[in-house]
């Protein structure tokens, strides 16, 4: 029976429904709108997004190619097209469509230019991105190019070789003015040596993983005497607890670089600004463990139940698809069928399923979800703070490039992060390790979209085997 209270009656409701995994609802709404809206490219892109979120990647690619052939003005499909093609390993298909757009005589030049910026970066054509020129384009597009060139340089040549470019075109005061014209630039801290007495760390164009990954830089500012507040609510999710010796070490490095704290004043900043402003002085500022759960005892009963079910097996958490992410997610997420060989080859592991969204629904329909001896499926209403506490009590964690994997790394837990061959720039080029988290091992596909290779690597890692 359909729940009439949850039915969609407007396009504005589609995004939250897609992220929550209510795919069937989204298709019902789109079916109802077909007669009225089926002549528009926007409508067909919504259908492509629904197929993308449902894991029907080939259908999403097909629709994005159709939109591109039929429309010379609609452009948002470049994100979905490249995301799905990266997941499937269809790099040449996406690259071909990017060139097709550039060759269409009725396409505006800036439109084709931005397709190259976004698409080439998503697909790992970093050399091409770095060769693009900002000559003759508008200011906003120039900043879009600049920060993508910084990202491509960091992925291709290492963070140290692209950080200045990325800061200038993404985290600087001028970049905020151009890219985010509604923000309070006057009180924005983006690396000034004269530090205010109070600084609020908030989120802007960033997710939980960014908050966790880069809050480590706040420790140096605290040790210098800056009072840090957490406007993003992360202090209700975990407690920042970097060891005093590491805070003092990093603070000394900032003093040597000329940072001083004023007696008064207040400003705000975000995780990206902390990273881009302080990386040149502090590097990865790595710590084996720099956060603590805020409510460690709230999950005692849940953990006891997991341990009893496990019967002495290792208890390993898993989260495999960022269904709830607003960003491109397919190129860094698995679908449940991909995981079957991993689950079937690890009888000595009790898996703790922490998945949300559509992939959780798919999991609950799988017969394995009823195998209580080998799997515990955590309740959907579990809070993020409780998830932190549970991860801290497990033996290990397996996840994609998302918030929970960063939490496991920041807790110093043994964790295994899987990545597509073209991964985010923060992981640079090493296929097996990342300096951000000493306890983390990477399972990176050797070819774009080769998730079977990723699963084989995860199997070897969980068996304790060394990698080449």
Foldseek 3Di string as FASTA:
>chain_A
DDDPVPADDDPVPLLQCQLQFVLVSQVVNLVVCCVPDVVDLVSLQSVLSSCVSLVVLVVSLVSLLVSLVPDQPDQPSLQSNLLSCLQAQVLVSSVVSLVVSCPDPPHDNLSSVVSCLVNCLSSLVLVVLLPDDPPPHDPLSVLSSQLSNLQSCCQAPNNVRRLVSNCVSPVDLVNCCRPPVPDDSVQEDQQDLEAEQEEEEAADPDDLLLCLLQCLLVLLVVVLRRHYHYPHCCCQQWPFAAPPVLSVVLVVLSVVVRHHYDPHDYGYYYSSSSCSNRCVRCPLSADLAGIGQPCLCPCVVVLVLLCVLQVPAAEEEEEFWSSNDPHSTSQFGDAVVLCVVVLVLCPRYQYEYAYGHNSVVVVVVDPVCVSSSRYHYDDPPDDSSVLLSNLLVGQEYEYTPDNSQSSNQNRNHQYEYEGEQSGGSQQHHDQFDHRSGPNYTYQYDPRRNPSNSSSVVVNCVVVVHDDD
